[in-house]
Amino acid sequence: MLWPMIAVVLGFLGIAVLGVLAVRVFVEVRRLARQVAQSSERITRAAEDLERSAAPLAARASELRRP
């Protein structure tokens, strides 16, 4: 009777540990997703800034090409 009770307790503890680890993974995935979203937003803003900065240069370059 002792061994089955020990097996049940160990099984419960194993499931509890897996549950705790699953929660930790879930929290870290959410944090990573937030960071990826922020980075994507920053990259988009930087690309827009670069495009705005390059527009006058492209216009000047096209004017210089005309004979």
PDB file of N, CA and C in Angstrom:
ATOM      1  N   MET A   1       0.819  -1.191   0.000  1.00  0.00           N
ATOM      2  CA  MET A   1       0.000   0.000   0.000  1.00  0.00           C
ATOM      3  C   MET A   1       0.869   1.264   0.000  1.00  0.00           C
ATOM      4  N   LEU A   2       2.069   1.160   0.540  1.00  0.00           N
ATOM      5  CA  LEU A   2       2.952   2.319   0.598  1.00  0.00           C
ATOM      6  C   LEU A   2       3.456   2.691  -0.794  1.00  0.00           C
ATOM      7  N   TRP A   3       3.857   1.693  -1.602  1.00  0.00           N
ATOM      8  CA  TRP A   3       4.416   1.982  -2.926  1.00  0.00           C
ATOM      9  C   TRP A   3       3.409   2.627  -3.872  1.00  0.00           C
ATOM     10  N   PRO A   4       2.163   2.187  -3.896  1.00  0.00           N
ATOM     11  CA  PRO A   4       1.205   2.873  -4.768  1.00  0.00           C
ATOM     12  C   PRO A   4       0.982   4.332  -4.362  1.00  0.00           C
ATOM     13  N   MET A   5       0.971   4.598  -3.060  1.00  0.00           N
ATOM     14  CA  MET A   5       0.786   5.982  -2.599  1.00  0.00           C
ATOM     15  C   MET A   5       1.990   6.835  -2.999  1.00  0.00           C
ATOM     16  N   ILE A   6       3.198   6.274  -2.884  1.00  0.00           N
ATOM     17  CA  ILE A   6       4.400   7.008  -3.284  1.00  0.00           C
ATOM     18  C   ILE A   6       4.350   7.275  -4.791  1.00  0.00           C
ATOM     19  N   ALA A   7       3.902   6.304  -5.566  1.00  0.00           N
ATOM     20  CA  ALA A   7       3.815   6.477  -7.016  1.00  0.00           C
ATOM     21  C   ALA A   7       2.811   7.581  -7.370  1.00  0.00           C
ATOM     22  N   VAL A   8       1.673   7.603  -6.669  1.00  0.00           N
ATOM     23  CA  VAL A   8       0.671   8.632  -6.934  1.00  0.00           C
ATOM     24  C   VAL A   8       1.217  10.012  -6.576  1.00  0.00           C
ATOM     25  N   VAL A   9       1.892  10.121  -5.432  1.00  0.00           N
ATOM     26  CA  VAL A   9       2.465  11.412  -5.008  1.00  0.00           C
ATOM     27  C   VAL A   9       3.522  11.869  -6.004  1.00  0.00           C
ATOM     28  N   LEU A  10       4.392  10.960  -6.423  1.00  0.00           N
ATOM     29  CA  LEU A  10       5.431  11.326  -7.390  1.00  0.00           C
ATOM     30  C   LEU A  10       4.819  11.722  -8.732  1.00  0.00           C
ATOM     31  N   GLY A  11       3.768  11.025  -9.131  1.00  0.00           N
ATOM     32  CA  GLY A  11       3.081  11.396 -10.371  1.00  0.00           C
ATOM     33  C   GLY A  11       2.471  12.783 -10.277  1.00  0.00           C
ATOM     34  N   PHE A  12       1.831  13.076  -9.148  1.00  0.00           N
ATOM     35  CA  PHE A  12       1.248  14.398  -8.944  1.00  0.00           C
ATOM     36  C   PHE A  12       2.327  15.469  -8.940  1.00  0.00           C
ATOM     37  N   LEU A  13       3.441  15.212  -8.259  1.00  0.00           N
ATOM     38  CA  LEU A  13       4.532  16.186  -8.226  1.00  0.00           C
ATOM     39  C   LEU A  13       5.113  16.413  -9.626  1.00  0.00           C
ATOM     40  N   GLY A  14       5.227  15.341 -10.392  1.00  0.00           N
ATOM     41  CA  GLY A  14       5.722  15.488 -11.763  1.00  0.00           C
ATOM     42  C   GLY A  14       4.813  16.354 -12.609  1.00  0.00           C
ATOM     43  N   ILE A  15       3.512  16.143 -12.480  1.00  0.00           N
ATOM     44  CA  ILE A  15       2.552  16.960 -13.236  1.00  0.00           C
ATOM     45  C   ILE A  15       2.594  18.409 -12.756  1.00  0.00           C
ATOM     46  N   ALA A  16       2.739  18.609 -11.434  1.00  0.00           N
ATOM     47  CA  ALA A  16       2.825  19.971 -10.898  1.00  0.00           C
ATOM     48  C   ALA A  16       4.065  20.683 -11.433  1.00  0.00           C
ATOM     49  N   VAL A  17       5.195  19.982 -11.471  1.00  0.00           N
ATOM     50  CA  VAL A  17       6.424  20.590 -12.003  1.00  0.00           C
ATOM     51  C   VAL A  17       6.242  20.944 -13.471  1.00  0.00           C
ATOM     52  N   LEU A  18       5.647  20.051 -14.244  1.00  0.00           N
ATOM     53  CA  LEU A  18       5.399  20.341 -15.657  1.00  0.00           C
ATOM     54  C   LEU A  18       4.468  21.544 -15.817  1.00  0.00           C
ATOM     55  N   GLY A  19       3.483  21.661 -14.950  1.00  0.00           N
ATOM     56  CA  GLY A  19       2.577  22.810 -14.999  1.00  0.00           C
ATOM     57  C   GLY A  19       3.301  24.118 -14.723  1.00  0.00           C
ATOM     58  N   VAL A  20       4.158  24.110 -13.706  1.00  0.00           N
ATOM     59  CA  VAL A  20       4.931  25.318 -13.374  1.00  0.00           C
ATOM     60  C   VAL A  20       5.838  25.693 -14.539  1.00  0.00           C
ATOM     61  N   LEU A  21       6.503  24.710 -15.118  1.00  0.00           N
ATOM     62  CA  LEU A  21       7.386  24.990 -16.252  1.00  0.00           C
ATOM     63  C   LEU A  21       6.598  25.498 -17.454  1.00  0.00           C
ATOM     64  N   ALA A  22       5.412  24.972 -17.677  1.00  0.00           N
ATOM     65  CA  ALA A  22       4.574  25.443 -18.785  1.00  0.00           C
ATOM     66  C   ALA A  22       4.176  26.901 -18.591  1.00  0.00           C
ATOM     67  N   VAL A  23       3.853  27.270 -17.360  1.00  0.00           N
ATOM     68  CA  VAL A  23       3.498  28.664 -17.076  1.00  0.00           C
ATOM     69  C   VAL A  23       4.701  29.573 -17.319  1.00  0.00           C
ATOM     70  N   ARG A  24       5.877  29.136 -16.885  1.00  0.00           N
ATOM     71  CA  ARG A  24       7.083  29.941 -17.102  1.00  0.00           C
ATOM     72  C   ARG A  24       7.376  30.115 -18.584  1.00  0.00           C
ATOM     73  N   VAL A  25       7.217  29.061 -19.358  1.00  0.00           N
ATOM     74  CA  VAL A  25       7.441  29.150 -20.807  1.00  0.00           C
ATOM     75  C   VAL A  25       6.426  30.103 -21.426  1.00  0.00           C
ATOM     76  N   PHE A  26       5.174  30.010 -21.008  1.00  0.00           N
ATOM     77  CA  PHE A  26       4.132  30.886 -21.532  1.00  0.00           C
ATOM     78  C   PHE A  26       4.458  32.354 -21.263  1.00  0.00           C
ATOM     79  N   VAL A  27       4.906  32.657 -20.050  1.00  0.00           N
ATOM     80  CA  VAL A  27       5.255  34.036 -19.686  1.00  0.00           C
ATOM     81  C   VAL A  27       6.425  34.530 -20.529  1.00  0.00           C
ATOM     82  N   GLU A  28       7.434  33.697 -20.702  1.00  0.00           N
ATOM     83  CA  GLU A  28       8.597  34.092 -21.498  1.00  0.00           C
ATOM     84  C   GLU A  28       8.235  34.271 -22.966  1.00  0.00           C
ATOM     85  N   VAL A  29       7.354  33.449 -23.492  1.00  0.00           N
ATOM     86  CA  VAL A  29       6.933  33.586 -24.888  1.00  0.00           C
ATOM     87  C   VAL A  29       6.183  34.891 -25.078  1.00  0.00           C
ATOM     88  N   ARG A  30       5.336  35.245 -24.142  1.00  0.00           N
ATOM     89  CA  ARG A  30       4.606  36.526 -24.239  1.00  0.00           C
ATOM     90  C   ARG A  30       5.575  37.693 -24.196  1.00  0.00           C
ATOM     91  N   ARG A  31       6.585  37.608 -23.319  1.00  0.00           N
ATOM     92  CA  ARG A  31       7.569  38.679 -23.219  1.00  0.00           C
ATOM     93  C   ARG A  31       8.372  38.795 -24.523  1.00  0.00           C
ATOM     94  N   LEU A  32       8.769  37.656 -25.075  1.00  0.00           N
ATOM     95  CA  LEU A  32       9.496  37.653 -26.340  1.00  0.00           C
ATOM     96  C   LEU A  32       8.638  38.226 -27.466  1.00  0.00           C
ATOM     97  N   ALA A  33       7.370  37.884 -27.489  1.00  0.00           N
ATOM     98  CA  ALA A  33       6.475  38.408 -28.524  1.00  0.00           C
ATOM     99  C   ALA A  33       6.356  39.922 -28.420  1.00  0.00           C
ATOM    100  N   ARG A  34       6.288  40.446 -27.196  1.00  0.00           N
ATOM    101  CA  ARG A  34       6.242  41.905 -27.014  1.00  0.00           C
ATOM    102  C   ARG A  34       7.516  42.552 -27.540  1.00  0.00           C
ATOM    103  N   GLN A  35       8.670  41.947 -27.225  1.00  0.00           N
ATOM    104  CA  GLN A  35       9.939  42.503 -27.692  1.00  0.00           C
ATOM    105  C   GLN A  35      10.037  42.451 -29.210  1.00  0.00           C
ATOM    106  N   VAL A  36       9.579  41.374 -29.809  1.00  0.00           N
ATOM    107  CA  VAL A  36       9.599  41.272 -31.275  1.00  0.00           C
ATOM    108  C   VAL A  36       8.696  42.335 -31.889  1.00  0.00           C
ATOM    109  N   ALA A  37       7.543  42.565 -31.299  1.00  0.00           N
ATOM    110  CA  ALA A  37       6.626  43.587 -31.816  1.00  0.00           C
ATOM    111  C   ALA A  37       7.251  44.972 -31.704  1.00  0.00           C
ATOM    112  N   GLN A  38       7.903  45.267 -30.583  1.00  0.00           N
ATOM    113  CA  GLN A  38       8.560  46.563 -30.411  1.00  0.00           C
ATOM    114  C   GLN A  38       9.693  46.732 -31.415  1.00  0.00           C
ATOM    115  N   SER A  39      10.467  45.688 -31.597  1.00  0.00           N
ATOM    116  CA  SER A  39      11.580  45.757 -32.553  1.00  0.00           C
ATOM    117  C   SER A  39      11.062  45.956 -33.968  1.00  0.00           C
ATOM    118  N   SER A  40      10.005  45.269 -34.317  1.00  0.00           N
ATOM    119  CA  SER A  40       9.407  45.414 -35.642  1.00  0.00           C
ATOM    120  C   SER A  40       8.916  46.840 -35.853  1.00  0.00           C
ATOM    121  N   GLU A  41       8.307  47.402 -34.835  1.00  0.00           N
ATOM    122  CA  GLU A  41       7.825  48.781 -34.926  1.00  0.00           C
ATOM    123  C   GLU A  41       8.992  49.749 -35.113  1.00  0.00           C
ATOM    124  N   ARG A  42      10.068  49.546 -34.363  1.00  0.00           N
ATOM    125  CA  ARG A  42      11.251  50.410 -34.504  1.00  0.00           C
ATOM    126  C   ARG A  42      11.868  50.286 -35.890  1.00  0.00           C
ATOM    127  N   ILE A  43      11.939  49.066 -36.406  1.00  0.00           N
ATOM    128  CA  ILE A  43      12.505  48.862 -37.743  1.00  0.00           C
ATOM    129  C   ILE A  43      11.645  49.553 -38.787  1.00  0.00           C
ATOM    130  N   THR A  44      10.333  49.475 -38.638  1.00  0.00           N
ATOM    131  CA  THR A  44       9.425  50.136 -39.575  1.00  0.00           C
ATOM    132  C   THR A  44       9.621  51.640 -39.541  1.00  0.00           C
ATOM    133  N   ARG A  45       9.726  52.202 -38.329  1.00  0.00           N
ATOM    134  CA  ARG A  45       9.943  53.650 -38.214  1.00  0.00           C
ATOM    135  C   ARG A  45      11.280  54.049 -38.828  1.00  0.00           C
ATOM    136  N   ALA A  46      12.318  53.247 -38.585  1.00  0.00           N
ATOM    137  CA  ALA A  46      13.630  53.560 -39.143  1.00  0.00           C
ATOM    138  C   ALA A  46      13.605  53.491 -40.667  1.00  0.00           C
ATOM    139  N   ALA A  47      12.906  52.511 -41.220  1.00  0.00           N
ATOM    140  CA  ALA A  47      12.803  52.398 -42.680  1.00  0.00           C
ATOM    141  C   ALA A  47      12.064  53.601 -43.255  1.00  0.00           C
ATOM    142  N   GLU A  48      11.015  54.043 -42.574  1.00  0.00           N
ATOM    143  CA  GLU A  48      10.283  55.223 -43.046  1.00  0.00           C
ATOM    144  C   GLU A  48      11.160  56.462 -42.977  1.00  0.00           C
ATOM    145  N   ASP A  49      11.922  56.613 -41.902  1.00  0.00           N
ATOM    146  CA  ASP A  49      12.837  57.752 -41.784  1.00  0.00           C
ATOM    147  C   ASP A  49      13.889  57.723 -42.888  1.00  0.00           C
ATOM    148  N   LEU A  50      14.412  56.549 -43.168  1.00  0.00           N
ATOM    149  CA  LEU A  50      15.407  56.411 -44.222  1.00  0.00           C
ATOM    150  C   LEU A  50      14.814  56.752 -45.581  1.00  0.00           C
ATOM    151  N   GLU A  51      13.594  56.304 -45.807  1.00  0.00           N
ATOM    152  CA  GLU A  51      12.940  56.601 -47.080  1.00  0.00           C
ATOM    153  C   GLU A  51      12.702  58.096 -47.236  1.00  0.00           C
ATOM    154  N   ARG A  52      12.267  58.756 -46.148  1.00  0.00           N
ATOM    155  CA  ARG A  52      12.060  60.207 -46.208  1.00  0.00           C
ATOM    156  C   ARG A  52      13.372  60.941 -46.432  1.00  0.00           C
ATOM    157  N   SER A  53      14.444  60.461 -45.814  1.00  0.00           N
ATOM    158  CA  SER A  53      15.751  61.105 -45.974  1.00  0.00           C
ATOM    159  C   SER A  53      16.303  60.899 -47.375  1.00  0.00           C
ATOM    160  N   ALA A  54      16.024  59.766 -47.974  1.00  0.00           N
ATOM    161  CA  ALA A  54      16.574  59.456 -49.286  1.00  0.00           C
ATOM    162  C   ALA A  54      15.801  60.130 -50.420  1.00  0.00           C
ATOM    163  N   ALA A  55      14.577  60.525 -50.185  1.00  0.00           N
ATOM    164  CA  ALA A  55      13.758  61.109 -51.255  1.00  0.00           C
ATOM    165  C   ALA A  55      14.384  62.375 -51.839  1.00  0.00           C
ATOM    166  N   PRO A  56      14.833  63.341 -51.033  1.00  0.00           N
ATOM    167  CA  PRO A  56      15.460  64.534 -51.627  1.00  0.00           C
ATOM    168  C   PRO A  56      16.751  64.203 -52.390  1.00  0.00           C
ATOM    169  N   LEU A  57      17.506  63.246 -51.875  1.00  0.00           N
ATOM    170  CA  LEU A  57      18.727  62.865 -52.577  1.00  0.00           C
ATOM    171  C   LEU A  57      18.420  62.241 -53.925  1.00  0.00           C
ATOM    172  N   ALA A  58      17.398  61.407 -53.976  1.00  0.00           N
ATOM    173  CA  ALA A  58      17.010  60.787 -55.243  1.00  0.00           C
ATOM    174  C   ALA A  58      16.516  61.844 -56.223  1.00  0.00           C
ATOM    175  N   ALA A  59      15.781  62.814 -55.735  1.00  0.00           N
ATOM    176  CA  ALA A  59      15.292  63.877 -56.616  1.00  0.00           C
ATOM    177  C   ALA A  59      16.457  64.682 -57.171  1.00  0.00           C
ATOM    178  N   ARG A  60      17.421  64.985 -56.309  1.00  0.00           N
ATOM    179  CA  ARG A  60      18.600  65.735 -56.776  1.00  0.00           C
ATOM    180  C   ARG A  60      19.419  64.932 -57.779  1.00  0.00           C
ATOM    181  N   ALA A  61      19.540  63.647 -57.537  1.00  0.00           N
ATOM    182  CA  ALA A  61      20.298  62.796 -58.451  1.00  0.00           C
ATOM    183  C   ALA A  61      19.624  62.714 -59.809  1.00  0.00           C
ATOM    184  N   SER A  62      18.295  62.658 -59.834  1.00  0.00           N
ATOM    185  CA  SER A  62      17.593  62.612 -61.124  1.00  0.00           C
ATOM    186  C   SER A  62      17.714  63.934 -61.859  1.00  0.00           C
ATOM    187  N   GLU A  63      17.791  65.044 -61.133  1.00  0.00           N
ATOM    188  CA  GLU A  63      17.988  66.345 -61.779  1.00  0.00           C
ATOM    189  C   GLU A  63      19.384  66.446 -62.370  1.00  0.00           C
ATOM    190  N   LEU A  64      20.353  65.888 -61.715  1.00  0.00           N
ATOM    191  CA  LEU A  64      21.728  65.977 -62.201  1.00  0.00           C
ATOM    192  C   LEU A  64      21.923  65.117 -63.446  1.00  0.00           C
ATOM    193  N   ARG A  65      21.162  64.078 -63.625  1.00  0.00           N
ATOM    194  CA  ARG A  65      21.297  63.209 -64.788  1.00  0.00           C
ATOM    195  C   ARG A  65      20.786  63.854 -66.072  1.00  0.00           C
ATOM    196  N   ARG A  66      19.859  64.770 -65.943  1.00  0.00           N
ATOM    197  CA  ARG A  66      19.269  65.407 -67.140  1.00  0.00           C
ATOM    198  C   ARG A  66      20.302  66.316 -67.785  1.00  0.00           C
ATOM    199  N   PRO A  67      20.433  66.207 -69.097  1.00  0.00           N
ATOM    200  CA  PRO A  67      21.413  67.075 -69.786  1.00  0.00           C
ATOM    201  C   PRO A  67      20.927  68.477 -70.016  1.00  0.00           C
TER     202      PRO A  67
END
